[in-house]
PDB file of N, CA and C in Angstrom:
ATOM      1  N   UNK A   1     189.142 100.115 215.810  1.00  0.00           N
ATOM      2  CA  UNK A   1     190.445 100.614 216.585  1.00  0.00           C
ATOM      3  C   UNK A   1     189.667 101.904 217.014  1.00  0.00           C
ATOM      4  N   UNK A   2     189.403 102.259 218.669  1.00  0.00           N
ATOM      5  CA  UNK A   2     188.996 103.215 218.497  1.00  0.00           C
ATOM      6  C   UNK A   2     190.237 104.613 219.020  1.00  0.00           C
ATOM      7  N   UNK A   3     189.797 105.590 218.190  1.00  0.00           N
ATOM      8  CA  UNK A   3     191.283 106.586 218.563  1.00  0.00           C
ATOM      9  C   UNK A   3     191.394 106.989 219.782  1.00  0.00           C
ATOM     10  N   UNK A   4     190.756 106.774 221.011  1.00  0.00           N
ATOM     11  CA  UNK A   4     191.216 107.356 221.857  1.00  0.00           C
ATOM     12  C   UNK A   4     192.414 106.222 222.330  1.00  0.00           C
ATOM     13  N   UNK A   5     193.107 105.502 221.686  1.00  0.00           N
ATOM     14  CA  UNK A   5     194.078 104.718 222.196  1.00  0.00           C
ATOM     15  C   UNK A   5     195.556 104.906 221.217  1.00  0.00           C
ATOM     16  N   UNK A   6     196.012 106.325 221.574  1.00  0.00           N
ATOM     17  CA  UNK A   6     197.074 105.958 220.828  1.00  0.00           C
ATOM     18  C   UNK A   6     197.644 106.810 221.849  1.00  0.00           C
ATOM     19  N   UNK A   7     199.334 106.292 221.074  1.00  0.00           N
ATOM     20  CA  UNK A   7     200.224 106.369 222.103  1.00  0.00           C
ATOM     21  C   UNK A   7     200.493 107.837 222.799  1.00  0.00           C
ATOM     22  N   UNK A   8     200.798 108.058 223.925  1.00  0.00           N
ATOM     23  CA  UNK A   8     200.947 108.873 224.742  1.00  0.00           C
ATOM     24  C   UNK A   8     201.513 110.070 224.195  1.00  0.00           C
ATOM     25  N   UNK A   9     203.140 109.598 223.369  1.00  0.00           N
ATOM     26  CA  UNK A   9     203.907 110.642 223.153  1.00  0.00           C
ATOM     27  C   UNK A   9     203.166 111.418 221.875  1.00  0.00           C
ATOM     28  N   UNK A  10     202.332 110.823 221.559  1.00  0.00           N
ATOM     29  CA  UNK A  10     200.780 111.772 220.069  1.00  0.00           C
ATOM     30  C   UNK A  10     200.193 112.485 220.773  1.00  0.00           C
ATOM     31  N   UNK A  11     200.542 114.001 220.530  1.00  0.00           N
ATOM     32  CA  UNK A  11     200.113 115.052 221.552  1.00  0.00           C
ATOM     33  C   UNK A  11     198.558 115.046 220.549  1.00  0.00           C
ATOM     34  N   UNK A  12     197.642 114.676 219.411  1.00  0.00           N
ATOM     35  CA  UNK A  12     196.584 114.945 219.198  1.00  0.00           C
ATOM     36  C   UNK A  12     196.597 113.443 218.296  1.00  0.00           C
ATOM     37  N   UNK A  13     195.033 113.535 217.618  1.00  0.00           N
ATOM     38  CA  UNK A  13     194.583 112.384 217.298  1.00  0.00           C
ATOM     39  C   UNK A  13     195.119 112.823 215.784  1.00  0.00           C
ATOM     40  N   UNK A  14     194.971 114.023 215.083  1.00  0.00           N
ATOM     41  CA  UNK A  14     195.152 114.527 213.662  1.00  0.00           C
ATOM     42  C   UNK A  14     196.718 113.840 213.736  1.00  0.00           C
ATOM     43  N   UNK A  15     197.792 114.163 214.759  1.00  0.00           N
ATOM     44  CA  UNK A  15     198.614 114.167 214.412  1.00  0.00           C
ATOM     45  C   UNK A  15     198.792 112.734 214.129  1.00  0.00           C
ATOM     46  N   UNK A  16     198.328 111.378 214.963  1.00  0.00           N
ATOM     47  CA  UNK A  16     198.409 110.106 214.647  1.00  0.00           C
ATOM     48  C   UNK A  16     197.853 109.915 213.625  1.00  0.00           C
ATOM     49  N   UNK A  17     196.687 110.555 212.829  1.00  0.00           N
ATOM     50  CA  UNK A  17     196.285 110.100 211.573  1.00  0.00           C
ATOM     51  C   UNK A  17     197.432 110.415 210.503  1.00  0.00           C
ATOM     52  N   UNK A  18     198.077 111.414 210.748  1.00  0.00           N
ATOM     53  CA  UNK A  18     199.204 112.271 209.742  1.00  0.00           C
ATOM     54  C   UNK A  18     200.422 111.075 209.904  1.00  0.00           C
ATOM     55  N   UNK A  19     200.939 110.398 211.511  1.00  0.00           N
ATOM     56  CA  UNK A  19     201.703 109.408 211.217  1.00  0.00           C
ATOM     57  C   UNK A  19     201.446 108.212 210.775  1.00  0.00           C
ATOM     58  N   UNK A  20     200.411 107.657 211.084  1.00  0.00           N
ATOM     59  CA  UNK A  20     200.021 106.203 210.752  1.00  0.00           C
ATOM     60  C   UNK A  20     199.823 106.432 208.758  1.00  0.00           C
ATOM     61  N   UNK A  21     199.147 107.814 208.282  1.00  0.00           N
ATOM     62  CA  UNK A  21     198.942 107.508 206.988  1.00  0.00           C
ATOM     63  C   UNK A  21     200.679 107.582 206.263  1.00  0.00           C
ATOM     64  N   UNK A  22     201.271 108.310 206.691  1.00  0.00           N
ATOM     65  CA  UNK A  22     203.118 108.401 206.521  1.00  0.00           C
ATOM     66  C   UNK A  22     203.688 106.779 206.621  1.00  0.00           C
ATOM     67  N   UNK A  23     203.220 106.013 207.505  1.00  0.00           N
ATOM     68  CA  UNK A  23     203.749 104.774 207.935  1.00  0.00           C
ATOM     69  C   UNK A  23     203.402 103.815 206.581  1.00  0.00           C
ATOM     70  N   UNK A  24     202.054 104.160 206.585  1.00  0.00           N
ATOM     71  CA  UNK A  24     201.391 103.563 205.566  1.00  0.00           C
ATOM     72  C   UNK A  24     201.697 103.717 204.058  1.00  0.00           C
ATOM     73  N   UNK A  25     202.411 104.619 203.821  1.00  0.00           N
ATOM     74  CA  UNK A  25     202.687 105.056 202.618  1.00  0.00           C
ATOM     75  C   UNK A  25     204.295 104.317 202.754  1.00  0.00           C
ATOM     76  N   UNK A  26     204.598 103.841 203.414  1.00  0.00           N
ATOM     77  CA  UNK A  26     206.531 103.590 203.756  1.00  0.00           C
ATOM     78  C   UNK A  26     206.097 101.816 203.560  1.00  0.00           C
ATOM     79  N   UNK A  27     204.783 101.471 203.883  1.00  0.00           N
ATOM     80  CA  UNK A  27     204.740 100.024 204.043  1.00  0.00           C
ATOM     81  C   UNK A  27     204.080 100.016 202.270  1.00  0.00           C
ATOM     82  N   UNK A  28     203.401 100.256 201.829  1.00  0.00           N
ATOM     83  CA  UNK A  28     203.103 100.101 200.568  1.00  0.00           C
ATOM     84  C   UNK A  28     204.563 100.070 199.761  1.00  0.00           C
ATOM     85  N   UNK A  29     205.522 101.199 199.794  1.00  0.00           N
ATOM     86  CA  UNK A  29     207.029 101.082 199.058  1.00  0.00           C
ATOM     87  C   UNK A  29     207.768 100.213 199.496  1.00  0.00           C
ATOM     88  N   UNK A  30     207.424  98.968 200.213  1.00  0.00           N
ATOM     89  CA  UNK A  30     208.170  97.743 200.835  1.00  0.00           C
ATOM     90  C   UNK A  30     208.780  98.319 202.412  1.00  0.00           C
ATOM     91  N   UNK A  31     208.708  98.972 202.945  1.00  0.00           N
ATOM     92  CA  UNK A  31     209.066  99.152 204.359  1.00  0.00           C
ATOM     93  C   UNK A  31     209.018  97.694 205.467  1.00  0.00           C
ATOM     94  N   UNK A  32     209.928  97.366 205.514  1.00  0.00           N
ATOM     95  CA  UNK A  32     209.720  96.434 206.418  1.00  0.00           C
ATOM     96  C   UNK A  32     208.657  96.332 207.797  1.00  0.00           C
ATOM     97  N   UNK A  33     207.576  95.474 207.814  1.00  0.00           N
ATOM     98  CA  UNK A  33     206.932  95.689 208.608  1.00  0.00           C
ATOM     99  C   UNK A  33     207.438  94.875 210.259  1.00  0.00           C
ATOM    100  N   UNK A  34     206.997  95.860 211.399  1.00  0.00           N
ATOM    101  CA  UNK A  34     207.651  95.677 212.747  1.00  0.00           C
ATOM    102  C   UNK A  34     206.732  95.128 213.540  1.00  0.00           C
ATOM    103  N   UNK A  35     206.162  93.993 212.989  1.00  0.00           N
ATOM    104  CA  UNK A  35     205.321  93.573 213.393  1.00  0.00           C
ATOM    105  C   UNK A  35     204.326  92.181 212.940  1.00  0.00           C
ATOM    106  N   UNK A  36     203.679  91.623 213.588  1.00  0.00           N
ATOM    107  CA  UNK A  36     203.440  90.548 212.410  1.00  0.00           C
ATOM    108  C   UNK A  36     201.636  90.992 211.927  1.00  0.00           C
ATOM    109  N   UNK A  37     201.752  91.089 210.605  1.00  0.00           N
ATOM    110  CA  UNK A  37     200.326  91.602 209.824  1.00  0.00           C
ATOM    111  C   UNK A  37     198.810  91.182 210.362  1.00  0.00           C
ATOM    112  N   UNK A  38     198.292  91.628 210.905  1.00  0.00           N
ATOM    113  CA  UNK A  38     196.886  91.868 211.583  1.00  0.00           C
ATOM    114  C   UNK A  38     195.742  91.962 210.589  1.00  0.00           C
ATOM    115  N   UNK A  39     195.944  92.942 209.657  1.00  0.00           N
ATOM    116  CA  UNK A  39     195.395  93.274 208.848  1.00  0.00           C
ATOM    117  C   UNK A  39     195.715  93.434 207.232  1.00  0.00           C
ATOM    118  N   UNK A  40     195.315  92.931 206.243  1.00  0.00           N
ATOM    119  CA  UNK A  40     195.419  93.320 204.325  1.00  0.00           C
ATOM    120  C   UNK A  40     195.720  94.896 204.264  1.00  0.00           C
ATOM    121  N   UNK A  41     194.993  95.755 205.336  1.00  0.00           N
ATOM    122  CA  UNK A  41     195.134  96.724 205.076  1.00  0.00           C
ATOM    123  C   UNK A  41     196.331  97.961 205.561  1.00  0.00           C
ATOM    124  N   UNK A  42     196.791  98.193 204.466  1.00  0.00           N
ATOM    125  CA  UNK A  42     198.397  98.974 205.411  1.00  0.00           C
ATOM    126  C   UNK A  42     197.984 100.275 206.491  1.00  0.00           C
ATOM    127  N   UNK A  43     196.899 100.591 206.160  1.00  0.00           N
ATOM    128  CA  UNK A  43     196.321 101.511 206.898  1.00  0.00           C
ATOM    129  C   UNK A  43     195.910 100.981 208.741  1.00  0.00           C
ATOM    130  N   UNK A  44     195.578 100.372 208.828  1.00  0.00           N
ATOM    131  CA  UNK A  44     194.961  99.761 209.248  1.00  0.00           C
ATOM    132  C   UNK A  44     196.110  98.626 210.351  1.00  0.00           C
ATOM    133  N   UNK A  45     197.157  98.233 209.540  1.00  0.00           N
ATOM    134  CA  UNK A  45     198.672  97.570 210.092  1.00  0.00           C
ATOM    135  C   UNK A  45     199.412  98.823 210.583  1.00  0.00           C
ATOM    136  N   UNK A  46     199.388 100.192 209.766  1.00  0.00           N
ATOM    137  CA  UNK A  46     200.283 101.468 209.975  1.00  0.00           C
ATOM    138  C   UNK A  46     199.266 101.755 211.462  1.00  0.00           C
ATOM    139  N   UNK A  47     198.241 101.385 211.960  1.00  0.00           N
ATOM    140  CA  UNK A  47     197.944 102.319 212.667  1.00  0.00           C
ATOM    141  C   UNK A  47     198.073 101.537 213.957  1.00  0.00           C
ATOM    142  N   UNK A  48     198.232  99.820 214.051  1.00  0.00           N
ATOM    143  CA  UNK A  48     198.991  99.080 214.983  1.00  0.00           C
ATOM    144  C   UNK A  48     199.662  99.189 215.464  1.00  0.00           C
ATOM    145  N   UNK A  49     200.241  99.755 214.071  1.00  0.00           N
ATOM    146  CA  UNK A  49     202.211  99.658 214.763  1.00  0.00           C
ATOM    147  C   UNK A  49     202.483 101.024 215.207  1.00  0.00           C
ATOM    148  N   UNK A  50     201.511 102.174 215.339  1.00  0.00           N
ATOM    149  CA  UNK A  50     201.827 103.214 215.931  1.00  0.00           C
ATOM    150  C   UNK A  50     201.172 103.053 217.246  1.00  0.00           C
ATOM    151  N   UNK A  51     199.971 102.768 217.303  1.00  0.00           N
ATOM    152  CA  UNK A  51     199.645 102.113 218.937  1.00  0.00           C
ATOM    153  C   UNK A  51     200.402 101.502 219.562  1.00  0.00           C
ATOM    154  N   UNK A  52     201.514 100.170 219.336  1.00  0.00           N
ATOM    155  CA  UNK A  52     202.054  99.509 220.209  1.00  0.00           C
ATOM    156  C   UNK A  52     203.499 100.842 220.491  1.00  0.00           C
ATOM    157  N   UNK A  53     203.948 101.873 219.581  1.00  0.00           N
ATOM    158  CA  UNK A  53     204.302 102.093 219.966  1.00  0.00           C
ATOM    159  C   UNK A  53     205.707 101.400 219.052  1.00  0.00           C
ATOM    160  N   UNK A  54     206.126 101.101 218.007  1.00  0.00           N
ATOM    161  CA  UNK A  54     206.939 100.718 217.359  1.00  0.00           C
ATOM    162  C   UNK A  54     207.352 101.169 216.230  1.00  0.00           C
ATOM    163  N   UNK A  55     207.071 102.532 215.824  1.00  0.00           N
ATOM    164  CA  UNK A  55     207.667 103.399 215.123  1.00  0.00           C
ATOM    165  C   UNK A  55     207.941 104.828 215.631  1.00  0.00           C
ATOM    166  N   UNK A  56     209.328 105.002 215.598  1.00  0.00           N
ATOM    167  CA  UNK A  56     209.866 106.223 216.017  1.00  0.00           C
ATOM    168  C   UNK A  56     209.785 107.611 214.685  1.00  0.00           C
ATOM    169  N   UNK A  57     209.529 108.438 215.525  1.00  0.00           N
ATOM    170  CA  UNK A  57     209.022 109.840 214.776  1.00  0.00           C
ATOM    171  C   UNK A  57     209.855 111.052 215.558  1.00  0.00           C
ATOM    172  N   UNK A  58     209.806 111.943 214.598  1.00  0.00           N
ATOM    173  CA  UNK A  58     209.857 113.462 215.501  1.00  0.00           C
ATOM    174  C   UNK A  58     209.761 114.287 215.181  1.00  0.00           C
ATOM    175  N   UNK A  59     209.372 115.529 215.512  1.00  0.00           N
ATOM    176  CA  UNK A  59     208.988 116.636 214.781  1.00  0.00           C
ATOM    177  C   UNK A  59     209.597 117.302 213.590  1.00  0.00           C
ATOM    178  N   UNK A  60     210.951 116.876 213.514  1.00  0.00           N
ATOM    179  CA  UNK A  60     211.798 117.076 212.117  1.00  0.00           C
ATOM    180  C   UNK A  60     212.225 118.701 212.469  1.00  0.00           C
ATOM    181  N   UNK A  61     212.773 119.072 211.802  1.00  0.00           N
ATOM    182  CA  UNK A  61     213.585 120.613 211.588  1.00  0.00           C
ATOM    183  C   UNK A  61     212.153 121.571 211.681  1.00  0.00           C
ATOM    184  N   UNK A  62     212.882 123.078 212.215  1.00  0.00           N
ATOM    185  CA  UNK A  62     212.034 123.734 212.485  1.00  0.00           C
ATOM    186  C   UNK A  62     211.557 124.279 210.785  1.00  0.00           C
ATOM    187  N   UNK A  63     210.228 125.035 211.330  1.00  0.00           N
ATOM    188  CA  UNK A  63     210.368 125.969 209.543  1.00  0.00           C
ATOM    189  C   UNK A  63     211.255 126.636 209.565  1.00  0.00           C
ATOM    190  N   UNK A  64     211.542 127.163 208.527  1.00  0.00           N
ATOM    191  CA  UNK A  64     212.509 128.441 207.805  1.00  0.00           C
ATOM    192  C   UNK A  64     211.518 129.505 208.574  1.00  0.00           C
ATOM    193  N   UNK A  65     212.265 130.622 208.368  1.00  0.00           N
ATOM    194  CA  UNK A  65     211.317 131.883 208.324  1.00  0.00           C
ATOM    195  C   UNK A  65     210.158 132.368 207.670  1.00  0.00           C
ATOM    196  N   UNK A  66     209.634 132.961 207.835  1.00  0.00           N
ATOM    197  CA  UNK A  66     207.970 133.294 207.221  1.00  0.00           C
ATOM    198  C   UNK A  66     208.683 134.589 206.217  1.00  0.00           C
ATOM    199  N   UNK A  67     210.099 135.350 206.449  1.00  0.00           N
ATOM    200  CA  UNK A  67     209.913 136.331 205.738  1.00  0.00           C
ATOM    201  C   UNK A  67     209.971 136.905 204.101  1.00  0.00           C
ATOM    202  N   UNK A  68     209.586 137.484 203.331  1.00  0.00           N
ATOM    203  CA  UNK A  68     209.179 137.493 202.085  1.00  0.00           C
ATOM    204  C   UNK A  68     210.294 136.951 201.089  1.00  0.00           C
ATOM    205  N   UNK A  69     210.131 136.770 199.962  1.00  0.00           N
ATOM    206  CA  UNK A  69     211.742 136.194 199.339  1.00  0.00           C
ATOM    207  C   UNK A  69     212.423 137.149 198.917  1.00  0.00           C
ATOM    208  N   UNK A  70     213.286 136.857 198.528  1.00  0.00           N
ATOM    209  CA  UNK A  70     214.263 138.074 197.864  1.00  0.00           C
ATOM    210  C   UNK A  70     213.749 138.563 196.669  1.00  0.00           C
ATOM    211  N   UNK A  71     212.901 138.209 196.296  1.00  0.00           N
ATOM    212  CA  UNK A  71     212.093 139.196 194.684  1.00  0.00           C
ATOM    213  C   UNK A  71     211.322 140.139 194.947  1.00  0.00           C
ATOM    214  N   UNK A  72     210.712 139.653 196.684  1.00  0.00           N
ATOM    215  CA  UNK A  72     209.867 140.712 196.957  1.00  0.00           C
ATOM    216  C   UNK A  72     208.806 141.784 196.120  1.00  0.00           C
ATOM    217  N   UNK A  73     208.669 141.049 195.203  1.00  0.00           N
ATOM    218  CA  UNK A  73     207.825 141.700 193.786  1.00  0.00           C
ATOM    219  C   UNK A  73     206.608 141.456 194.010  1.00  0.00           C
ATOM    220  N   UNK A  74     205.544 140.308 194.722  1.00  0.00           N
ATOM    221  CA  UNK A  74     204.804 139.444 194.256  1.00  0.00           C
ATOM    222  C   UNK A  74     203.678 138.771 193.494  1.00  0.00           C
ATOM    223  N   UNK A  75     205.243 138.752 192.552  1.00  0.00           N
ATOM    224  CA  UNK A  75     204.747 138.031 191.448  1.00  0.00           C
ATOM    225  C   UNK A  75     205.329 136.359 191.762  1.00  0.00           C
ATOM    226  N   UNK A  76     204.831 135.830 191.412  1.00  0.00           N
ATOM    227  CA  UNK A  76     204.889 133.900 191.894  1.00  0.00           C
ATOM    228  C   UNK A  76     206.521 133.963 191.204  1.00  0.00           C
ATOM    229  N   UNK A  77     206.605 132.993 191.794  1.00  0.00           N
ATOM    230  CA  UNK A  77     208.223 132.289 191.222  1.00  0.00           C
ATOM    231  C   UNK A  77     207.454 131.055 190.977  1.00  0.00           C
ATOM    232  N   UNK A  78     209.226 130.871 190.326  1.00  0.00           N
ATOM    233  CA  UNK A  78     208.974 129.352 189.244  1.00  0.00           C
ATOM    234  C   UNK A  78     208.903 128.767 191.249  1.00  0.00           C
ATOM    235  N   UNK A  79     207.823 127.332 190.744  1.00  0.00           N
ATOM    236  CA  UNK A  79     208.301 126.516 191.986  1.00  0.00           C
ATOM    237  C   UNK A  79     207.019 127.120 192.837  1.00  0.00           C
ATOM    238  N   UNK A  80     206.349 128.218 193.228  1.00  0.00           N
ATOM    239  CA  UNK A  80     205.221 128.393 193.827  1.00  0.00           C
ATOM    240  C   UNK A  80     203.908 127.601 193.364  1.00  0.00           C
ATOM    241  N   UNK A  81     202.958 127.324 193.972  1.00  0.00           N
ATOM    242  CA  UNK A  81     201.700 127.137 193.745  1.00  0.00           C
ATOM    243  C   UNK A  81     200.835 128.143 194.593  1.00  0.00           C
ATOM    244  N   UNK A  82     199.585 127.602 194.364  1.00  0.00           N
ATOM    245  CA  UNK A  82     198.570 128.629 194.989  1.00  0.00           C
ATOM    246  C   UNK A  82     198.079 129.194 196.324  1.00  0.00           C
ATOM    247  N   UNK A  83     198.977 128.489 197.117  1.00  0.00           N
ATOM    248  CA  UNK A  83     199.328 128.593 198.600  1.00  0.00           C
ATOM    249  C   UNK A  83     200.764 129.413 198.910  1.00  0.00           C
ATOM    250  N   UNK A  84     201.250 129.962 197.971  1.00  0.00           N
ATOM    251  CA  UNK A  84     203.147 130.389 198.356  1.00  0.00           C
ATOM    252  C   UNK A  84     204.121 129.577 197.759  1.00  0.00           C
ATOM    253  N   UNK A  85     205.341 129.573 198.263  1.00  0.00           N
ATOM    254  CA  UNK A  85     206.357 128.676 197.951  1.00  0.00           C
ATOM    255  C   UNK A  85     206.507 126.908 198.349  1.00  0.00           C
ATOM    256  N   UNK A  86     206.297 126.265 197.274  1.00  0.00           N
ATOM    257  CA  UNK A  86     205.895 125.228 197.470  1.00  0.00           C
ATOM    258  C   UNK A  86     207.162 124.509 198.074  1.00  0.00           C
ATOM    259  N   UNK A  87     206.539 123.806 199.076  1.00  0.00           N
ATOM    260  CA  UNK A  87     207.548 123.034 200.530  1.00  0.00           C
ATOM    261  C   UNK A  87     207.383 121.445 199.923  1.00  0.00           C
ATOM    262  N   UNK A  88     208.366 120.918 200.647  1.00  0.00           N
ATOM    263  CA  UNK A  88     208.753 119.503 200.516  1.00  0.00           C
ATOM    264  C   UNK A  88     208.175 119.089 202.452  1.00  0.00           C
ATOM    265  N   UNK A  89     207.392 117.423 202.006  1.00  0.00           N
ATOM    266  CA  UNK A  89     207.231 117.395 203.281  1.00  0.00           C
ATOM    267  C   UNK A  89     208.398 116.490 203.817  1.00  0.00           C
ATOM    268  N   UNK A  90     208.457 116.441 204.712  1.00  0.00           N
ATOM    269  CA  UNK A  90     209.715 114.720 205.520  1.00  0.00           C
ATOM    270  C   UNK A  90     208.872 114.228 205.660  1.00  0.00           C
TER     271      UNK A  90
END
């Protein structure tokens, strides 16, 4: 597969790889395939689905404000990691 062939609505190679990785995770967990399998590899199959624009996606909700937390004392809070507050990825 050539990376130059990603769907028009995907704005970068980086986003294409992220979306294909997320789709591959869904397939690994048992999600319904949207086309006949051409490769035994989940990542390759996910990229094929993305190339054919068979996977719906959006940018999700806007991130919350980056204002300091209410504690404001600079001390780590439960759930924080080395990069700041822990968040989930949709």
